[in-house]
Amino acid sequence: METKSIFASKSIWGGIIAILPPAMSLVGIDLSPQDAQGIVGHVDAIVSAVGGLVAIYGRVTARKALRV
């Protein structure tokens, strides 16, 4: 099975974001459901962009040519 970094997992980020609002309310910071949805969208976009950059970097620094 192919593996990936824990930070590339949308499930992990989703879990962290799901835990974030209740944890923040414990320390006195209130986060609305709309704010939480916005954070999810931004994190998803950031993770996707980083994945794309890593793929491009991997291809540019590869030592072997691709065979078609």
Protein backbone atom coordinates (compact mmCIF):
# COMPACT_ATOMS: atom_id res chain seq x y z
CA MET A 1 0.00 0.00 0.00
CA GLU A 2 1.22 3.48 -0.84
CA THR A 3 1.82 5.70 2.20
CA LYS A 4 1.62 9.43 2.78
CA SER A 5 2.49 11.87 5.53
CA ILE A 6 0.01 12.20 8.37
CA PHE A 7 -0.17 15.91 7.49
CA ALA A 8 -1.39 15.05 3.96
CA SER A 9 -4.39 13.18 5.36
CA LYS A 10 -7.68 15.03 5.01
CA SER A 11 -9.13 12.74 7.68
CA ILE A 12 -6.53 13.84 10.22
CA TRP A 13 -7.06 17.52 9.39
CA GLY A 14 -10.83 17.04 9.56
CA GLY A 15 -10.50 15.47 13.00
CA ILE A 16 -8.27 18.28 14.23
CA ILE A 17 -10.68 20.88 12.91
CA ALA A 18 -13.64 19.05 14.48
CA ILE A 19 -11.90 19.11 17.87
CA LEU A 20 -10.78 22.73 17.53
CA PRO A 21 -14.04 24.62 18.32
CA PRO A 22 -14.80 22.77 21.60
CA ALA A 23 -11.16 23.05 22.67
CA MET A 24 -11.14 26.77 21.92
CA SER A 25 -14.35 27.29 23.90
CA LEU A 26 -12.65 25.71 26.93
CA VAL A 27 -10.12 28.55 26.89
CA GLY A 28 -12.77 31.23 26.30
CA ILE A 29 -12.62 31.60 22.50
CA ASP A 30 -15.94 31.04 20.72
CA LEU A 31 -15.89 29.77 17.14
CA SER A 32 -19.15 29.66 15.14
CA PRO A 33 -20.03 26.74 12.85
CA GLN A 34 -19.60 29.08 9.87
CA ASP A 35 -16.07 29.95 11.02
CA ALA A 36 -15.26 26.26 11.40
CA GLN A 37 -16.51 25.55 7.85
CA GLY A 38 -14.35 28.37 6.51
CA ILE A 39 -11.32 26.93 8.25
CA VAL A 40 -12.03 23.50 6.73
CA GLY A 41 -12.14 25.01 3.24
CA HIS A 42 -8.88 26.87 3.74
CA VAL A 43 -7.06 23.89 5.22
CA ASP A 44 -8.26 21.67 2.37
CA ALA A 45 -6.98 24.18 -0.20
CA ILE A 46 -3.62 24.52 1.58
CA VAL A 47 -3.13 20.75 1.86
CA SER A 48 -4.01 20.31 -1.83
CA ALA A 49 -1.61 23.08 -2.86
CA VAL A 50 1.23 21.63 -0.79
CA GLY A 51 0.58 18.20 -2.30
CA GLY A 52 0.80 19.66 -5.80
CA LEU A 53 4.02 21.50 -5.00
CA VAL A 54 5.58 18.34 -3.55
CA ALA A 55 4.61 16.40 -6.70
CA ILE A 56 6.18 19.05 -8.94
CA TYR A 57 9.30 19.20 -6.79
CA GLY A 58 9.58 15.41 -6.91
CA ARG A 59 9.38 15.39 -10.70
CA VAL A 60 11.86 18.25 -11.12
CA THR A 61 14.43 16.66 -8.78
CA ALA A 62 13.93 13.09 -10.07
CA ARG A 63 17.05 11.35 -11.31
CA LYS A 64 15.32 9.16 -13.93
CA ALA A 65 13.28 10.19 -16.95
CA LEU A 66 9.68 9.11 -17.34
CA ARG A 67 8.83 6.35 -19.81
CA VAL A 68 5.60 6.75 -21.74
